[in-house]
Amino acid sequence: MGESLFLSVSGGLLGIGLTFPVAKAFAARVGTLFPIFTVSTTTVALAFGAAGLVGLAAGLFAAIGAKESIASALRDAP
């Protein structure tokens, strides 16, 4: 569960970090078509929340689907 949350939140932070330079380049290219092009804090918060929810859902799905405990799976591994 922790790994799933870590990976999704890390990906979300990376995506949010790349949003601003990409948005700036996009606005520079097509500024005449979209005269007002900004990334609001609400958009950033929603993106971060969505990343967290995806990680939580993926972790829960994997945890519910697990048939045995982690300790016994590692003990029986070749």
N, C-alpha and C. Protein backbone atom coordinates (compact mmCIF):
# COMPACT_ATOMS: atom_id res chain seq x y z
N MET A 1 0.83 -1.19 0.00
CA MET A 1 0.00 0.00 0.00
C MET A 1 0.87 1.25 0.00
N GLY A 2 1.89 1.24 0.84
CA GLY A 2 2.79 2.39 0.92
C GLY A 2 3.53 2.63 -0.38
N GLU A 3 3.97 1.53 -1.01
CA GLU A 3 4.70 1.66 -2.27
C GLU A 3 3.80 2.25 -3.35
N SER A 4 2.57 1.81 -3.40
CA SER A 4 1.63 2.32 -4.38
C SER A 4 1.38 3.81 -4.19
N LEU A 5 1.17 4.21 -2.95
CA LEU A 5 0.96 5.63 -2.66
C LEU A 5 2.20 6.45 -2.98
N PHE A 6 3.37 5.92 -2.62
CA PHE A 6 4.61 6.63 -2.89
C PHE A 6 4.81 6.86 -4.39
N LEU A 7 4.60 5.80 -5.17
CA LEU A 7 4.80 5.92 -6.62
C LEU A 7 3.79 6.87 -7.26
N SER A 8 2.54 6.81 -6.85
CA SER A 8 1.55 7.68 -7.46
C SER A 8 1.75 9.14 -7.05
N VAL A 9 2.07 9.37 -5.80
CA VAL A 9 2.31 10.75 -5.36
C VAL A 9 3.59 11.30 -5.99
N SER A 10 4.62 10.48 -6.12
CA SER A 10 5.85 10.92 -6.79
C SER A 10 5.58 11.27 -8.24
N GLY A 11 4.81 10.42 -8.92
CA GLY A 11 4.44 10.72 -10.30
C GLY A 11 3.58 11.97 -10.41
N GLY A 12 2.69 12.15 -9.45
CA GLY A 12 1.86 13.36 -9.44
C GLY A 12 2.69 14.61 -9.24
N LEU A 13 3.66 14.54 -8.34
CA LEU A 13 4.54 15.71 -8.12
C LEU A 13 5.39 16.00 -9.35
N LEU A 14 5.89 14.95 -9.99
CA LEU A 14 6.66 15.14 -11.22
C LEU A 14 5.79 15.77 -12.31
N GLY A 15 4.58 15.27 -12.45
CA GLY A 15 3.66 15.83 -13.44
C GLY A 15 3.31 17.27 -13.16
N ILE A 16 3.07 17.59 -11.89
CA ILE A 16 2.76 18.97 -11.52
C ILE A 16 3.97 19.87 -11.77
N GLY A 17 5.16 19.36 -11.45
CA GLY A 17 6.38 20.13 -11.69
C GLY A 17 6.62 20.41 -13.16
N LEU A 18 6.25 19.47 -14.02
CA LEU A 18 6.43 19.67 -15.46
C LEU A 18 5.31 20.48 -16.09
N THR A 19 4.21 20.65 -15.36
CA THR A 19 3.07 21.39 -15.91
C THR A 19 3.43 22.83 -16.22
N PHE A 20 4.15 23.48 -15.34
CA PHE A 20 4.40 24.91 -15.52
C PHE A 20 5.29 25.22 -16.71
N PRO A 21 6.42 24.51 -16.91
CA PRO A 21 7.21 24.81 -18.11
C PRO A 21 6.48 24.44 -19.41
N VAL A 22 5.73 23.36 -19.38
CA VAL A 22 4.98 22.96 -20.59
C VAL A 22 3.87 23.96 -20.87
N ALA A 23 3.17 24.40 -19.84
CA ALA A 23 2.11 25.40 -20.03
C ALA A 23 2.69 26.71 -20.55
N LYS A 24 3.85 27.09 -20.05
CA LYS A 24 4.48 28.32 -20.52
C LYS A 24 4.87 28.21 -21.99
N ALA A 25 5.44 27.07 -22.38
CA ALA A 25 5.80 26.85 -23.78
C ALA A 25 4.56 26.80 -24.67
N PHE A 26 3.51 26.16 -24.18
CA PHE A 26 2.26 26.07 -24.94
C PHE A 26 1.66 27.46 -25.14
N ALA A 27 1.66 28.26 -24.08
CA ALA A 27 1.12 29.62 -24.18
C ALA A 27 1.95 30.48 -25.14
N ALA A 28 3.26 30.26 -25.15
CA ALA A 28 4.11 31.03 -26.07
C ALA A 28 3.83 30.65 -27.52
N ARG A 29 3.54 29.38 -27.76
CA ARG A 29 3.28 28.91 -29.13
C ARG A 29 1.92 29.33 -29.66
N VAL A 30 0.88 29.16 -28.84
CA VAL A 30 -0.48 29.40 -29.31
C VAL A 30 -1.17 30.48 -28.48
N GLY A 31 -0.42 31.47 -28.07
CA GLY A 31 -0.96 32.55 -27.25
C GLY A 31 -2.07 33.33 -27.93
N THR A 32 -2.04 33.39 -29.25
CA THR A 32 -3.09 34.14 -29.95
C THR A 32 -4.40 33.36 -29.98
N LEU A 33 -4.34 32.05 -29.94
CA LEU A 33 -5.56 31.24 -29.93
C LEU A 33 -6.16 31.16 -28.54
N PHE A 34 -5.31 31.10 -27.53
CA PHE A 34 -5.74 31.05 -26.15
C PHE A 34 -5.10 32.22 -25.40
N PRO A 35 -5.70 33.40 -25.46
CA PRO A 35 -5.04 34.57 -24.86
C PRO A 35 -4.87 34.47 -23.34
N ILE A 36 -5.74 33.77 -22.67
CA ILE A 36 -5.61 33.60 -21.22
C ILE A 36 -5.36 32.13 -20.95
N PHE A 37 -4.11 31.79 -20.64
CA PHE A 37 -3.75 30.40 -20.39
C PHE A 37 -2.93 30.35 -19.13
N THR A 38 -3.57 29.97 -18.04
CA THR A 38 -2.88 29.88 -16.75
C THR A 38 -3.21 28.55 -16.08
N VAL A 39 -2.38 28.17 -15.16
CA VAL A 39 -2.61 26.97 -14.35
C VAL A 39 -2.93 27.46 -12.94
N SER A 40 -4.16 27.20 -12.51
CA SER A 40 -4.58 27.69 -11.20
C SER A 40 -4.16 26.73 -10.09
N THR A 41 -4.20 27.22 -8.87
CA THR A 41 -3.87 26.38 -7.72
C THR A 41 -4.92 25.29 -7.53
N THR A 42 -6.15 25.57 -7.94
CA THR A 42 -7.21 24.55 -7.86
C THR A 42 -6.88 23.37 -8.77
N THR A 43 -6.39 23.67 -9.96
CA THR A 43 -6.01 22.61 -10.89
C THR A 43 -4.88 21.77 -10.32
N VAL A 44 -3.91 22.40 -9.73
CA VAL A 44 -2.78 21.69 -9.12
C VAL A 44 -3.26 20.81 -7.97
N ALA A 45 -4.13 21.34 -7.13
CA ALA A 45 -4.66 20.56 -6.00
C ALA A 45 -5.47 19.37 -6.48
N LEU A 46 -6.29 19.57 -7.51
CA LEU A 46 -7.08 18.46 -8.05
C LEU A 46 -6.19 17.38 -8.67
N ALA A 47 -5.14 17.79 -9.35
CA ALA A 47 -4.22 16.82 -9.95
C ALA A 47 -3.51 16.01 -8.87
N PHE A 48 -3.07 16.68 -7.82
CA PHE A 48 -2.39 15.98 -6.72
C PHE A 48 -3.36 15.04 -6.01
N GLY A 49 -4.59 15.48 -5.80
CA GLY A 49 -5.60 14.62 -5.18
C GLY A 49 -5.93 13.41 -6.03
N ALA A 50 -6.02 13.62 -7.34
CA ALA A 50 -6.30 12.50 -8.25
C ALA A 50 -5.16 11.48 -8.22
N ALA A 51 -3.93 11.94 -8.18
CA ALA A 51 -2.79 11.03 -8.10
C ALA A 51 -2.84 10.22 -6.82
N GLY A 52 -3.17 10.86 -5.72
CA GLY A 52 -3.27 10.16 -4.44
C GLY A 52 -4.40 9.13 -4.44
N LEU A 53 -5.54 9.49 -5.02
CA LEU A 53 -6.66 8.55 -5.08
C LEU A 53 -6.36 7.34 -5.96
N VAL A 54 -5.67 7.57 -7.06
CA VAL A 54 -5.29 6.45 -7.93
C VAL A 54 -4.34 5.51 -7.18
N GLY A 55 -3.37 6.06 -6.47
CA GLY A 55 -2.44 5.24 -5.69
C GLY A 55 -3.15 4.47 -4.59
N LEU A 56 -4.09 5.12 -3.93
CA LEU A 56 -4.85 4.46 -2.88
C LEU A 56 -5.69 3.33 -3.45
N ALA A 57 -6.37 3.57 -4.56
CA ALA A 57 -7.20 2.53 -5.19
C ALA A 57 -6.34 1.37 -5.65
N ALA A 58 -5.20 1.65 -6.26
CA ALA A 58 -4.32 0.58 -6.73
C ALA A 58 -3.77 -0.24 -5.57
N GLY A 59 -3.40 0.42 -4.49
CA GLY A 59 -2.89 -0.28 -3.32
C GLY A 59 -3.97 -1.13 -2.66
N LEU A 60 -5.18 -0.60 -2.55
CA LEU A 60 -6.27 -1.37 -1.96
C LEU A 60 -6.63 -2.57 -2.83
N PHE A 61 -6.67 -2.37 -4.14
CA PHE A 61 -7.00 -3.46 -5.05
C PHE A 61 -5.98 -4.59 -4.93
N ALA A 62 -4.72 -4.23 -4.86
CA ALA A 62 -3.67 -5.24 -4.72
C ALA A 62 -3.74 -5.92 -3.36
N ALA A 63 -4.01 -5.16 -2.30
CA ALA A 63 -4.07 -5.72 -0.96
C ALA A 63 -5.27 -6.66 -0.80
N ILE A 64 -6.38 -6.30 -1.38
CA ILE A 64 -7.57 -7.14 -1.29
C ILE A 64 -7.37 -8.42 -2.10
N GLY A 65 -6.69 -8.31 -3.23
CA GLY A 65 -6.47 -9.47 -4.09
C GLY A 65 -5.38 -10.41 -3.61
N ALA A 66 -4.60 -9.99 -2.63
CA ALA A 66 -3.51 -10.84 -2.14
C ALA A 66 -4.09 -12.06 -1.43
N LYS A 67 -3.58 -13.23 -1.77
CA LYS A 67 -4.10 -14.47 -1.20
C LYS A 67 -3.35 -14.88 0.07
N GLU A 68 -2.13 -14.40 0.24
CA GLU A 68 -1.36 -14.78 1.42
C GLU A 68 -0.60 -13.56 1.94
N SER A 69 -0.09 -13.69 3.13
CA SER A 69 0.63 -12.57 3.73
C SER A 69 1.98 -12.38 3.04
N ILE A 70 2.54 -11.22 3.18
CA ILE A 70 3.83 -10.91 2.58
C ILE A 70 4.92 -11.80 3.17
N ALA A 71 4.87 -12.02 4.47
CA ALA A 71 5.89 -12.85 5.13
C ALA A 71 5.88 -14.27 4.60
N SER A 72 4.71 -14.84 4.42
CA SER A 72 4.67 -16.22 3.94
C SER A 72 5.04 -16.30 2.47
N ALA A 73 4.70 -15.26 1.67
CA ALA A 73 5.08 -15.24 0.26
C ALA A 73 6.60 -15.14 0.12
N LEU A 74 7.25 -14.33 0.97
CA LEU A 74 8.70 -14.21 0.91
C LEU A 74 9.40 -15.47 1.41
N ARG A 75 8.81 -16.10 2.41
CA ARG A 75 9.39 -17.33 2.95
C ARG A 75 9.35 -18.45 1.92
N ASP A 76 8.28 -18.51 1.13
CA ASP A 76 8.11 -19.59 0.14
C ASP A 76 8.75 -19.27 -1.21
N ALA A 77 9.30 -18.09 -1.37
CA ALA A 77 9.90 -17.71 -2.65
C ALA A 77 11.19 -18.51 -2.90
N PRO A 78 11.43 -18.89 -4.14
CA PRO A 78 12.66 -19.67 -4.43
C PRO A 78 13.91 -18.84 -4.35
